[in-house]
């Protein structure tokens, strides 16, 4: 390495921390309150045995339309899904209504 090139490299290494210090500080992260309007629906679950339990428990988090458009599930799959809502997502479902909800959802779209 030539002396001039070596000196230039030395100056660059010495000045690089100073260049970093001279850079403007990034803007601080700013948090602001936001509001959103969730879609509303007056749709409820169709009448049938257990409809009241489903309407009282499930509509707190889901629209009826969202649940009613789910694919056909077996009783075991609905049981797993309802239990996941209760135990994992902490859905406010009355434990006494769990079996009624599962039976209702299974009867909506029976699997062959």
PDB file of N, CA and C in Angstrom:
ATOM      1  N   UNK A   1       0.853  -1.160   0.000  1.00  0.00           N
ATOM      2  CA  UNK A   1       0.000   0.000   0.000  1.00  0.00           C
ATOM      3  C   UNK A   1       0.903   1.227   0.000  1.00  0.00           C
ATOM      4  N   UNK A   2       0.576   2.196  -0.813  1.00  0.00           N
ATOM      5  CA  UNK A   2       1.406   3.409  -0.894  1.00  0.00           C
ATOM      6  C   UNK A   2       1.150   4.272   0.328  1.00  0.00           C
ATOM      7  N   UNK A   3       2.157   5.137   0.675  1.00  0.00           N
ATOM      8  CA  UNK A   3       1.990   5.991   1.852  1.00  0.00           C
ATOM      9  C   UNK A   3       0.772   6.909   1.746  1.00  0.00           C
ATOM     10  N   UNK A   4       0.477   7.430   0.557  1.00  0.00           N
ATOM     11  CA  UNK A   4      -0.671   8.344   0.398  1.00  0.00           C
ATOM     12  C   UNK A   4      -1.972   7.568   0.620  1.00  0.00           C
ATOM     13  N   UNK A   5      -2.019   6.399   0.041  1.00  0.00           N
ATOM     14  CA  UNK A   5      -3.220   5.584   0.200  1.00  0.00           C
ATOM     15  C   UNK A   5      -3.389   5.164   1.651  1.00  0.00           C
ATOM     16  N   UNK A   6      -2.329   4.833   2.312  1.00  0.00           N
ATOM     17  CA  UNK A   6      -2.357   4.444   3.712  1.00  0.00           C
ATOM     18  C   UNK A   6      -2.810   5.613   4.580  1.00  0.00           C
ATOM     19  N   UNK A   7      -2.328   6.814   4.270  1.00  0.00           N
ATOM     20  CA  UNK A   7      -2.722   7.997   5.039  1.00  0.00           C
ATOM     21  C   UNK A   7      -4.204   8.287   4.829  1.00  0.00           C
ATOM     22  N   UNK A   8      -4.683   8.142   3.590  1.00  0.00           N
ATOM     23  CA  UNK A   8      -6.091   8.389   3.300  1.00  0.00           C
ATOM     24  C   UNK A   8      -6.976   7.399   4.053  1.00  0.00           C
ATOM     25  N   UNK A   9      -6.538   6.149   4.110  1.00  0.00           N
ATOM     26  CA  UNK A   9      -7.288   5.137   4.835  1.00  0.00           C
ATOM     27  C   UNK A   9      -7.300   5.463   6.321  1.00  0.00           C
ATOM     28  N   UNK A  10      -6.181   5.894   6.862  1.00  0.00           N
ATOM     29  CA  UNK A  10      -6.096   6.252   8.274  1.00  0.00           C
ATOM     30  C   UNK A  10      -7.035   7.404   8.599  1.00  0.00           C
ATOM     31  N   UNK A  11      -7.055   8.439   7.725  1.00  0.00           N
ATOM     32  CA  UNK A  11      -7.927   9.590   7.942  1.00  0.00           C
ATOM     33  C   UNK A  11      -9.390   9.149   7.882  1.00  0.00           C
ATOM     34  N   UNK A  12      -9.725   8.272   6.934  1.00  0.00           N
ATOM     35  CA  UNK A  12     -11.102   7.796   6.798  1.00  0.00           C
ATOM     36  C   UNK A  12     -11.531   7.023   8.042  1.00  0.00           C
ATOM     37  N   UNK A  13     -10.648   6.188   8.562  1.00  0.00           N
ATOM     38  CA  UNK A  13     -10.982   5.423   9.753  1.00  0.00           C
ATOM     39  C   UNK A  13     -11.132   6.316  10.976  1.00  0.00           C
ATOM     40  N   UNK A  14     -10.339   7.358  11.052  1.00  0.00           N
ATOM     41  CA  UNK A  14     -10.424   8.281  12.185  1.00  0.00           C
ATOM     42  C   UNK A  14     -11.688   9.130  12.088  1.00  0.00           C
ATOM     43  N   UNK A  15     -12.048   9.560  10.885  1.00  0.00           N
ATOM     44  CA  UNK A  15     -13.180  10.460  10.719  1.00  0.00           C
ATOM     45  C   UNK A  15     -14.530   9.735  10.678  1.00  0.00           C
ATOM     46  N   UNK A  16     -14.554   8.433  10.374  1.00  0.00           N
ATOM     47  CA  UNK A  16     -15.840   7.749  10.224  1.00  0.00           C
ATOM     48  C   UNK A  16     -16.715   7.828  11.479  1.00  0.00           C
ATOM     49  N   UNK A  17     -16.176   7.706  12.700  1.00  0.00           N
ATOM     50  CA  UNK A  17     -17.050   7.887  13.870  1.00  0.00           C
ATOM     51  C   UNK A  17     -17.567   9.318  13.970  1.00  0.00           C
ATOM     52  N   UNK A  18     -16.759  10.293  13.543  1.00  0.00           N
ATOM     53  CA  UNK A  18     -17.193  11.687  13.613  1.00  0.00           C
ATOM     54  C   UNK A  18     -18.298  11.964  12.609  1.00  0.00           C
ATOM     55  N   UNK A  19     -18.206  11.334  11.447  1.00  0.00           N
ATOM     56  CA  UNK A  19     -19.248  11.502  10.438  1.00  0.00           C
ATOM     57  C   UNK A  19     -20.558  10.929  10.971  1.00  0.00           C
ATOM     58  N   UNK A  20     -20.479   9.779  11.635  1.00  0.00           N
ATOM     59  CA  UNK A  20     -21.680   9.169  12.199  1.00  0.00           C
ATOM     60  C   UNK A  20     -22.281  10.069  13.269  1.00  0.00           C
ATOM     61  N   UNK A  21     -21.445  10.723  14.065  1.00  0.00           N
ATOM     62  CA  UNK A  21     -21.936  11.622  15.099  1.00  0.00           C
ATOM     63  C   UNK A  21     -22.567  12.875  14.509  1.00  0.00           C
ATOM     64  N   UNK A  22     -22.092  13.294  13.358  1.00  0.00           N
ATOM     65  CA  UNK A  22     -22.594  14.511  12.742  1.00  0.00           C
ATOM     66  C   UNK A  22     -23.918  14.286  12.013  1.00  0.00           C
ATOM     67  N   UNK A  23     -24.294  13.044  11.770  1.00  0.00           N
ATOM     68  CA  UNK A  23     -25.546  12.769  11.068  1.00  0.00           C
ATOM     69  C   UNK A  23     -26.715  13.193  11.958  1.00  0.00           C
ATOM     70  N   UNK A  24     -27.762  13.729  11.352  1.00  0.00           N
ATOM     71  CA  UNK A  24     -28.907  14.144  12.168  1.00  0.00           C
ATOM     72  C   UNK A  24     -29.572  12.935  12.827  1.00  0.00           C
ATOM     73  N   UNK A  25     -30.055  13.131  14.017  1.00  0.00           N
ATOM     74  CA  UNK A  25     -30.719  12.054  14.747  1.00  0.00           C
ATOM     75  C   UNK A  25     -32.043  11.730  14.063  1.00  0.00           C
ATOM     76  N   UNK A  26     -32.397  10.472  14.018  1.00  0.00           N
ATOM     77  CA  UNK A  26     -33.683  10.122  13.403  1.00  0.00           C
ATOM     78  C   UNK A  26     -34.831  10.694  14.236  1.00  0.00           C
ATOM     79  N   UNK A  27     -35.936  10.931  13.561  1.00  0.00           N
ATOM     80  CA  UNK A  27     -37.115  11.429  14.252  1.00  0.00           C
ATOM     81  C   UNK A  27     -37.556  10.395  15.282  1.00  0.00           C
ATOM     82  N   UNK A  28     -37.945  10.836  16.462  1.00  0.00           N
ATOM     83  CA  UNK A  28     -38.407   9.855  17.454  1.00  0.00           C
ATOM     84  C   UNK A  28     -39.737   9.241  17.002  1.00  0.00           C
ATOM     85  N   UNK A  29     -39.966   8.012  17.416  1.00  0.00           N
ATOM     86  CA  UNK A  29     -41.205   7.336  17.087  1.00  0.00           C
ATOM     87  C   UNK A  29     -42.329   8.021  17.861  1.00  0.00           C
ATOM     88  N   UNK A  30     -43.403   8.312  17.179  1.00  0.00           N
ATOM     89  CA  UNK A  30     -44.528   8.982  17.823  1.00  0.00           C
ATOM     90  C   UNK A  30     -45.755   8.072  17.739  1.00  0.00           C
ATOM     91  N   UNK A  31     -46.393   7.925  18.872  1.00  0.00           N
ATOM     92  CA  UNK A  31     -47.611   7.138  18.935  1.00  0.00           C
ATOM     93  C   UNK A  31     -48.786   8.089  19.082  1.00  0.00           C
ATOM     94  N   UNK A  32     -49.824   7.830  18.346  1.00  0.00           N
ATOM     95  CA  UNK A  32     -51.022   8.649  18.460  1.00  0.00           C
ATOM     96  C   UNK A  32     -52.221   7.734  18.623  1.00  0.00           C
ATOM     97  N   UNK A  33     -53.234   8.227  19.272  1.00  0.00           N
ATOM     98  CA  UNK A  33     -54.460   7.464  19.424  1.00  0.00           C
ATOM     99  C   UNK A  33     -55.186   7.412  18.092  1.00  0.00           C
ATOM    100  N   UNK A  34     -55.725   6.270  17.806  1.00  0.00           N
ATOM    101  CA  UNK A  34     -56.483   6.072  16.578  1.00  0.00           C
ATOM    102  C   UNK A  34     -57.826   5.468  16.955  1.00  0.00           C
ATOM    103  N   UNK A  35     -58.797   5.690  16.134  1.00  0.00           N
ATOM    104  CA  UNK A  35     -60.076   5.028  16.354  1.00  0.00           C
ATOM    105  C   UNK A  35     -60.521   4.411  15.036  1.00  0.00           C
ATOM    106  N   UNK A  36     -61.182   3.296  15.170  1.00  0.00           N
ATOM    107  CA  UNK A  36     -61.727   2.629  14.001  1.00  0.00           C
ATOM    108  C   UNK A  36     -63.190   2.331  14.277  1.00  0.00           C
ATOM    109  N   UNK A  37     -63.940   2.220  13.225  1.00  0.00           N
ATOM    110  CA  UNK A  37     -65.344   1.870  13.379  1.00  0.00           C
ATOM    111  C   UNK A  37     -65.529   0.470  12.818  1.00  0.00           C
ATOM    112  N   UNK A  38     -65.894  -0.424  13.692  1.00  0.00           N
ATOM    113  CA  UNK A  38     -66.105  -1.805  13.283  1.00  0.00           C
ATOM    114  C   UNK A  38     -67.447  -1.914  12.585  1.00  0.00           C
ATOM    115  N   UNK A  39     -67.534  -2.771  11.586  1.00  0.00           N
ATOM    116  CA  UNK A  39     -68.825  -2.951  10.926  1.00  0.00           C
ATOM    117  C   UNK A  39     -69.834  -3.545  11.908  1.00  0.00           C
ATOM    118  N   UNK A  40     -71.043  -3.151  11.775  1.00  0.00           N
ATOM    119  CA  UNK A  40     -72.085  -3.680  12.653  1.00  0.00           C
ATOM    120  C   UNK A  40     -73.019  -4.565  11.834  1.00  0.00           C
ATOM    121  N   UNK A  41     -73.692  -5.426  12.538  1.00  0.00           N
ATOM    122  CA  UNK A  41     -74.630  -6.315  11.871  1.00  0.00           C
ATOM    123  C   UNK A  41     -75.724  -6.675  12.858  1.00  0.00           C
ATOM    124  N   UNK A  42     -76.931  -6.702  12.366  1.00  0.00           N
ATOM    125  CA  UNK A  42     -78.057  -7.131  13.192  1.00  0.00           C
ATOM    126  C   UNK A  42     -78.351  -8.614  12.978  1.00  0.00           C
ATOM    127  N   UNK A  43     -77.545  -9.243  12.145  1.00  0.00           N
ATOM    128  CA  UNK A  43     -77.766 -10.646  11.810  1.00  0.00           C
ATOM    129  C   UNK A  43     -77.480 -11.515  13.027  1.00  0.00           C
ATOM    130  N   UNK A  44     -78.364 -12.454  13.270  1.00  0.00           N
ATOM    131  CA  UNK A  44     -78.151 -13.415  14.347  1.00  0.00           C
ATOM    132  C   UNK A  44     -78.183 -14.818  13.742  1.00  0.00           C
ATOM    133  N   UNK A  45     -77.907 -15.796  14.571  1.00  0.00           N
ATOM    134  CA  UNK A  45     -77.902 -17.179  14.109  1.00  0.00           C
ATOM    135  C   UNK A  45     -79.336 -17.667  13.900  1.00  0.00           C
ATOM    136  N   UNK A  46     -79.543 -18.551  12.941  1.00  0.00           N
ATOM    137  CA  UNK A  46     -80.893 -19.070  12.687  1.00  0.00           C
ATOM    138  C   UNK A  46     -81.461 -19.788  13.911  1.00  0.00           C
ATOM    139  N   UNK A  47     -82.778 -19.712  14.046  1.00  0.00           N
ATOM    140  CA  UNK A  47     -83.448 -20.405  15.147  1.00  0.00           C
ATOM    141  C   UNK A  47     -83.155 -21.891  15.108  1.00  0.00           C
ATOM    142  N   UNK A  48     -83.171 -22.463  16.261  1.00  0.00           N
ATOM    143  CA  UNK A  48     -82.953 -23.893  16.391  1.00  0.00           C
ATOM    144  C   UNK A  48     -82.479 -24.183  17.796  1.00  0.00           C
ATOM    145  N   UNK A  49     -82.430 -25.458  18.161  1.00  0.00           N
ATOM    146  CA  UNK A  49     -81.952 -25.807  19.496  1.00  0.00           C
ATOM    147  C   UNK A  49     -80.526 -25.287  19.713  1.00  0.00           C
ATOM    148  N   UNK A  50     -80.345 -24.433  20.694  1.00  0.00           N
ATOM    149  CA  UNK A  50     -79.028 -23.894  21.009  1.00  0.00           C
ATOM    150  C   UNK A  50     -78.754 -22.525  20.413  1.00  0.00           C
ATOM    151  N   UNK A  51     -79.670 -21.993  19.603  1.00  0.00           N
ATOM    152  CA  UNK A  51     -79.425 -20.692  18.963  1.00  0.00           C
ATOM    153  C   UNK A  51     -79.229 -19.582  19.995  1.00  0.00           C
ATOM    154  N   UNK A  52     -79.990 -19.635  21.072  1.00  0.00           N
ATOM    155  CA  UNK A  52     -79.858 -18.593  22.103  1.00  0.00           C
ATOM    156  C   UNK A  52     -78.466 -18.625  22.735  1.00  0.00           C
ATOM    157  N   UNK A  53     -77.955 -19.807  23.022  1.00  0.00           N
ATOM    158  CA  UNK A  53     -76.615 -19.932  23.609  1.00  0.00           C
ATOM    159  C   UNK A  53     -75.556 -19.415  22.648  1.00  0.00           C
ATOM    160  N   UNK A  54     -75.706 -19.718  21.364  1.00  0.00           N
ATOM    161  CA  UNK A  54     -74.743 -19.260  20.363  1.00  0.00           C
ATOM    162  C   UNK A  54     -74.818 -17.744  20.229  1.00  0.00           C
ATOM    163  N   UNK A  55     -76.033 -17.206  20.126  1.00  0.00           N
ATOM    164  CA  UNK A  55     -76.179 -15.752  20.013  1.00  0.00           C
ATOM    165  C   UNK A  55     -75.631 -15.044  21.249  1.00  0.00           C
ATOM    166  N   UNK A  56     -75.869 -15.581  22.437  1.00  0.00           N
ATOM    167  CA  UNK A  56     -75.417 -14.933  23.675  1.00  0.00           C
ATOM    168  C   UNK A  56     -73.906 -15.007  23.866  1.00  0.00           C
ATOM    169  N   UNK A  57     -73.273 -16.044  23.353  1.00  0.00           N
ATOM    170  CA  UNK A  57     -71.839 -16.228  23.598  1.00  0.00           C
ATOM    171  C   UNK A  57     -70.960 -15.849  22.414  1.00  0.00           C
ATOM    172  N   UNK A  58     -71.346 -16.214  21.226  1.00  0.00           N
ATOM    173  CA  UNK A  58     -70.456 -16.071  20.068  1.00  0.00           C
ATOM    174  C   UNK A  58     -70.480 -14.673  19.448  1.00  0.00           C
ATOM    175  N   UNK A  59     -71.625 -14.000  19.535  1.00  0.00           N
ATOM    176  CA  UNK A  59     -71.730 -12.684  18.893  1.00  0.00           C
ATOM    177  C   UNK A  59     -70.919 -11.607  19.611  1.00  0.00           C
ATOM    178  N   UNK A  60     -70.383 -11.916  20.777  1.00  0.00           N
ATOM    179  CA  UNK A  60     -69.519 -10.957  21.474  1.00  0.00           C
ATOM    180  C   UNK A  60     -68.230 -10.725  20.687  1.00  0.00           C
ATOM    181  N   UNK A  61     -67.801 -11.732  19.923  1.00  0.00           N
ATOM    182  CA  UNK A  61     -66.544 -11.624  19.174  1.00  0.00           C
ATOM    183  C   UNK A  61     -66.718 -11.777  17.667  1.00  0.00           C
ATOM    184  N   UNK A  62     -67.730 -12.509  17.228  1.00  0.00           N
ATOM    185  CA  UNK A  62     -67.899 -12.831  15.814  1.00  0.00           C
ATOM    186  C   UNK A  62     -69.244 -12.345  15.304  1.00  0.00           C
ATOM    187  N   UNK A  63     -69.275 -11.990  14.038  1.00  0.00           N
ATOM    188  CA  UNK A  63     -70.570 -11.772  13.402  1.00  0.00           C
ATOM    189  C   UNK A  63     -71.150 -13.140  13.088  1.00  0.00           C
ATOM    190  N   UNK A  64     -72.459 -13.201  13.019  1.00  0.00           N
ATOM    191  CA  UNK A  64     -73.086 -14.476  12.655  1.00  0.00           C
ATOM    192  C   UNK A  64     -72.632 -14.895  11.257  1.00  0.00           C
ATOM    193  N   UNK A  65     -72.527 -13.913  10.357  1.00  0.00           N
ATOM    194  CA  UNK A  65     -72.119 -14.216   8.985  1.00  0.00           C
ATOM    195  C   UNK A  65     -70.747 -14.855   8.908  1.00  0.00           C
ATOM    196  N   UNK A  66     -69.828 -14.402   9.754  1.00  0.00           N
ATOM    197  CA  UNK A  66     -68.476 -14.967   9.732  1.00  0.00           C
ATOM    198  C   UNK A  66     -68.509 -16.447  10.130  1.00  0.00           C
ATOM    199  N   UNK A  67     -69.289 -16.769  11.130  1.00  0.00           N
ATOM    200  CA  UNK A  67     -69.368 -18.163  11.576  1.00  0.00           C
ATOM    201  C   UNK A  67     -70.146 -19.003  10.568  1.00  0.00           C
ATOM    202  N   UNK A  68     -71.219 -18.449  10.042  1.00  0.00           N
ATOM    203  CA  UNK A  68     -72.079 -19.220   9.142  1.00  0.00           C
ATOM    204  C   UNK A  68     -71.419 -19.528   7.799  1.00  0.00           C
ATOM    205  N   UNK A  69     -70.356 -18.823   7.461  1.00  0.00           N
ATOM    206  CA  UNK A  69     -69.665 -19.095   6.197  1.00  0.00           C
ATOM    207  C   UNK A  69     -68.480 -20.052   6.358  1.00  0.00           C
ATOM    208  N   UNK A  70     -68.317 -20.596   7.540  1.00  0.00           N
ATOM    209  CA  UNK A  70     -67.250 -21.573   7.753  1.00  0.00           C
ATOM    210  C   UNK A  70     -67.587 -22.872   7.029  1.00  0.00           C
ATOM    211  N   UNK A  71     -66.585 -23.641   6.675  1.00  0.00           N
ATOM    212  CA  UNK A  71     -66.863 -24.926   6.006  1.00  0.00           C
ATOM    213  C   UNK A  71     -67.522 -25.910   6.967  1.00  0.00           C
ATOM    214  N   UNK A  72     -68.025 -26.992   6.411  1.00  0.00           N
ATOM    215  CA  UNK A  72     -68.605 -28.052   7.243  1.00  0.00           C
ATOM    216  C   UNK A  72     -67.508 -28.625   8.125  1.00  0.00           C
ATOM    217  N   UNK A  73     -67.792 -28.720   9.395  1.00  0.00           N
ATOM    218  CA  UNK A  73     -66.836 -29.321  10.333  1.00  0.00           C
ATOM    219  C   UNK A  73     -67.523 -30.446  11.085  1.00  0.00           C
ATOM    220  N   UNK A  74     -66.743 -31.416  11.486  1.00  0.00           N
ATOM    221  CA  UNK A  74     -67.284 -32.511  12.290  1.00  0.00           C
ATOM    222  C   UNK A  74     -67.499 -32.008  13.710  1.00  0.00           C
ATOM    223  N   UNK A  75     -68.209 -32.793  14.501  1.00  0.00           N
ATOM    224  CA  UNK A  75     -68.438 -32.437  15.907  1.00  0.00           C
ATOM    225  C   UNK A  75     -67.100 -32.296  16.640  1.00  0.00           C
ATOM    226  N   UNK A  76     -66.165 -33.182  16.360  1.00  0.00           N
ATOM    227  CA  UNK A  76     -64.847 -33.107  16.998  1.00  0.00           C
ATOM    228  C   UNK A  76     -64.125 -31.807  16.611  1.00  0.00           C
ATOM    229  N   UNK A  77     -64.238 -31.415  15.341  1.00  0.00           N
ATOM    230  CA  UNK A  77     -63.596 -30.180  14.893  1.00  0.00           C
ATOM    231  C   UNK A  77     -64.249 -28.948  15.522  1.00  0.00           C
ATOM    232  N   UNK A  78     -65.589 -28.944  15.629  1.00  0.00           N
ATOM    233  CA  UNK A  78     -66.256 -27.812  16.294  1.00  0.00           C
ATOM    234  C   UNK A  78     -65.892 -27.780  17.774  1.00  0.00           C
ATOM    235  N   UNK A  79     -65.797 -28.934  18.394  1.00  0.00           N
ATOM    236  CA  UNK A  79     -65.400 -28.984  19.812  1.00  0.00           C
ATOM    237  C   UNK A  79     -64.017 -28.382  19.990  1.00  0.00           C
ATOM    238  N   UNK A  80     -63.102 -28.757  19.133  1.00  0.00           N
ATOM    239  CA  UNK A  80     -61.737 -28.217  19.183  1.00  0.00           C
ATOM    240  C   UNK A  80     -61.752 -26.700  18.947  1.00  0.00           C
ATOM    241  N   UNK A  81     -62.541 -26.254  17.994  1.00  0.00           N
ATOM    242  CA  UNK A  81     -62.609 -24.827  17.672  1.00  0.00           C
ATOM    243  C   UNK A  81     -63.190 -24.026  18.833  1.00  0.00           C
ATOM    244  N   UNK A  82     -64.299 -24.498  19.393  1.00  0.00           N
ATOM    245  CA  UNK A  82     -64.928 -23.778  20.512  1.00  0.00           C
ATOM    246  C   UNK A  82     -63.993 -23.770  21.718  1.00  0.00           C
ATOM    247  N   UNK A  83     -63.358 -24.897  22.007  1.00  0.00           N
ATOM    248  CA  UNK A  83     -62.419 -24.943  23.138  1.00  0.00           C
ATOM    249  C   UNK A  83     -61.229 -24.010  22.918  1.00  0.00           C
ATOM    250  N   UNK A  84     -60.774 -23.898  21.676  1.00  0.00           N
ATOM    251  CA  UNK A  84     -59.684 -22.966  21.373  1.00  0.00           C
ATOM    252  C   UNK A  84     -60.134 -21.532  21.664  1.00  0.00           C
ATOM    253  N   UNK A  85     -61.348 -21.196  21.266  1.00  0.00           N
ATOM    254  CA  UNK A  85     -61.864 -19.843  21.524  1.00  0.00           C
ATOM    255  C   UNK A  85     -61.904 -19.550  23.025  1.00  0.00           C
ATOM    256  N   UNK A  86     -62.325 -20.550  23.798  1.00  0.00           N
ATOM    257  CA  UNK A  86     -62.461 -20.374  25.249  1.00  0.00           C
ATOM    258  C   UNK A  86     -61.101 -20.348  25.939  1.00  0.00           C
ATOM    259  N   UNK A  87     -60.263 -21.324  25.652  1.00  0.00           N
ATOM    260  CA  UNK A  87     -59.029 -21.494  26.421  1.00  0.00           C
ATOM    261  C   UNK A  87     -57.832 -20.717  25.874  1.00  0.00           C
ATOM    262  N   UNK A  88     -57.733 -20.576  24.574  1.00  0.00           N
ATOM    263  CA  UNK A  88     -56.593 -19.873  23.981  1.00  0.00           C
ATOM    264  C   UNK A  88     -56.895 -18.387  23.830  1.00  0.00           C
ATOM    265  N   UNK A  89     -58.060 -18.076  23.237  1.00  0.00           N
ATOM    266  CA  UNK A  89     -58.402 -16.679  22.969  1.00  0.00           C
ATOM    267  C   UNK A  89     -59.190 -16.030  24.103  1.00  0.00           C
ATOM    268  N   UNK A  90     -59.502 -16.809  25.146  1.00  0.00           N
ATOM    269  CA  UNK A  90     -60.197 -16.299  26.332  1.00  0.00           C
ATOM    270  C   UNK A  90     -61.565 -15.707  26.008  1.00  0.00           C
ATOM    271  N   UNK A  91     -62.280 -16.336  25.095  1.00  0.00           N
ATOM    272  CA  UNK A  91     -63.628 -15.889  24.746  1.00  0.00           C
ATOM    273  C   UNK A  91     -64.529 -16.028  25.970  1.00  0.00           C
ATOM    274  N   UNK A  92     -65.389 -15.045  26.195  1.00  0.00           N
ATOM    275  CA  UNK A  92     -66.261 -15.075  27.369  1.00  0.00           C
ATOM    276  C   UNK A  92     -67.457 -16.012  27.167  1.00  0.00           C
ATOM    277  N   UNK A  93     -67.169 -17.289  27.048  1.00  0.00           N
ATOM    278  CA  UNK A  93     -68.213 -18.285  26.822  1.00  0.00           C
ATOM    279  C   UNK A  93     -68.502 -18.991  28.140  1.00  0.00           C
ATOM    280  N   UNK A  94     -69.766 -19.049  28.471  1.00  0.00           N
ATOM    281  CA  UNK A  94     -70.192 -19.763  29.675  1.00  0.00           C
ATOM    282  C   UNK A  94     -69.895 -21.253  29.457  1.00  0.00           C
ATOM    283  N   UNK A  95     -69.129 -21.842  30.340  1.00  0.00           N
ATOM    284  CA  UNK A  95     -68.723 -23.245  30.191  1.00  0.00           C
ATOM    285  C   UNK A  95     -69.930 -24.166  30.079  1.00  0.00           C
ATOM    286  N   UNK A  96     -71.028 -23.816  30.708  1.00  0.00           N
ATOM    287  CA  UNK A  96     -72.245 -24.635  30.633  1.00  0.00           C
ATOM    288  C   UNK A  96     -72.837 -24.627  29.225  1.00  0.00           C
ATOM    289  N   UNK A  97     -72.467 -23.650  28.401  1.00  0.00           N
ATOM    290  CA  UNK A  97     -73.011 -23.542  27.047  1.00  0.00           C
ATOM    291  C   UNK A  97     -72.127 -24.187  25.974  1.00  0.00           C
ATOM    292  N   UNK A  98     -70.934 -24.620  26.326  1.00  0.00           N
ATOM    293  CA  UNK A  98     -69.989 -25.118  25.317  1.00  0.00           C
ATOM    294  C   UNK A  98     -70.583 -26.269  24.517  1.00  0.00           C
ATOM    295  N   UNK A  99     -71.125 -27.286  25.181  1.00  0.00           N
ATOM    296  CA  UNK A  99     -71.661 -28.446  24.454  1.00  0.00           C
ATOM    297  C   UNK A  99     -72.862 -28.049  23.606  1.00  0.00           C
ATOM    298  N   UNK A 100     -73.689 -27.145  24.105  1.00  0.00           N
ATOM    299  CA  UNK A 100     -74.846 -26.666  23.335  1.00  0.00           C
ATOM    300  C   UNK A 100     -74.389 -25.949  22.069  1.00  0.00           C
ATOM    301  N   UNK A 101     -73.342 -25.133  22.189  1.00  0.00           N
ATOM    302  CA  UNK A 101     -72.794 -24.407  21.036  1.00  0.00           C
ATOM    303  C   UNK A 101     -72.240 -25.388  20.009  1.00  0.00           C
ATOM    304  N   UNK A 102     -71.482 -26.361  20.479  1.00  0.00           N
ATOM    305  CA  UNK A 102     -70.907 -27.369  19.579  1.00  0.00           C
ATOM    306  C   UNK A 102     -72.021 -28.121  18.853  1.00  0.00           C
ATOM    307  N   UNK A 103     -73.043 -28.535  19.589  1.00  0.00           N
ATOM    308  CA  UNK A 103     -74.153 -29.270  18.971  1.00  0.00           C
ATOM    309  C   UNK A 103     -74.868 -28.404  17.932  1.00  0.00           C
ATOM    310  N   UNK A 104     -75.086 -27.145  18.249  1.00  0.00           N
ATOM    311  CA  UNK A 104     -75.761 -26.235  17.328  1.00  0.00           C
ATOM    312  C   UNK A 104     -74.946 -26.071  16.050  1.00  0.00           C
ATOM    313  N   UNK A 105     -73.650 -25.760  16.208  1.00  0.00           N
ATOM    314  CA  UNK A 105     -72.801 -25.533  15.027  1.00  0.00           C
ATOM    315  C   UNK A 105     -72.667 -26.795  14.181  1.00  0.00           C
ATOM    316  N   UNK A 106     -72.617 -27.945  14.825  1.00  0.00           N
ATOM    317  CA  UNK A 106     -72.527 -29.213  14.092  1.00  0.00           C
ATOM    318  C   UNK A 106     -73.816 -29.464  13.294  1.00  0.00           C
ATOM    319  N   UNK A 107     -74.945 -29.119  13.872  1.00  0.00           N
ATOM    320  CA  UNK A 107     -76.236 -29.358  13.212  1.00  0.00           C
ATOM    321  C   UNK A 107     -76.482 -28.390  12.055  1.00  0.00           C
ATOM    322  N   UNK A 108     -75.824 -27.229  12.070  1.00  0.00           N
ATOM    323  CA  UNK A 108     -76.015 -26.243  10.996  1.00  0.00           C
ATOM    324  C   UNK A 108     -75.633 -26.794   9.636  1.00  0.00           C
ATOM    325  N   UNK A 109     -74.484 -27.425   9.594  1.00  0.00           N
ATOM    326  CA  UNK A 109     -73.971 -27.997   8.344  1.00  0.00           C
ATOM    327  C   UNK A 109     -73.470 -29.402   8.647  1.00  0.00           C
ATOM    328  N   UNK A 110     -74.400 -30.340   8.689  1.00  0.00           N
ATOM    329  CA  UNK A 110     -73.982 -31.707   9.042  1.00  0.00           C
ATOM    330  C   UNK A 110     -72.989 -32.267   8.018  1.00  0.00           C
ATOM    331  N   UNK A 111     -72.027 -33.011   8.524  1.00  0.00           N
ATOM    332  CA  UNK A 111     -71.084 -33.682   7.630  1.00  0.00           C
ATOM    333  C   UNK A 111     -71.616 -35.081   7.336  1.00  0.00           C
ATOM    334  N   UNK A 112     -71.352 -35.588   6.156  1.00  0.00           N
ATOM    335  CA  UNK A 112     -71.872 -36.930   5.803  1.00  0.00           C
ATOM    336  C   UNK A 112     -71.236 -38.034   6.617  1.00  0.00           C
TER     337      UNK A 112
END
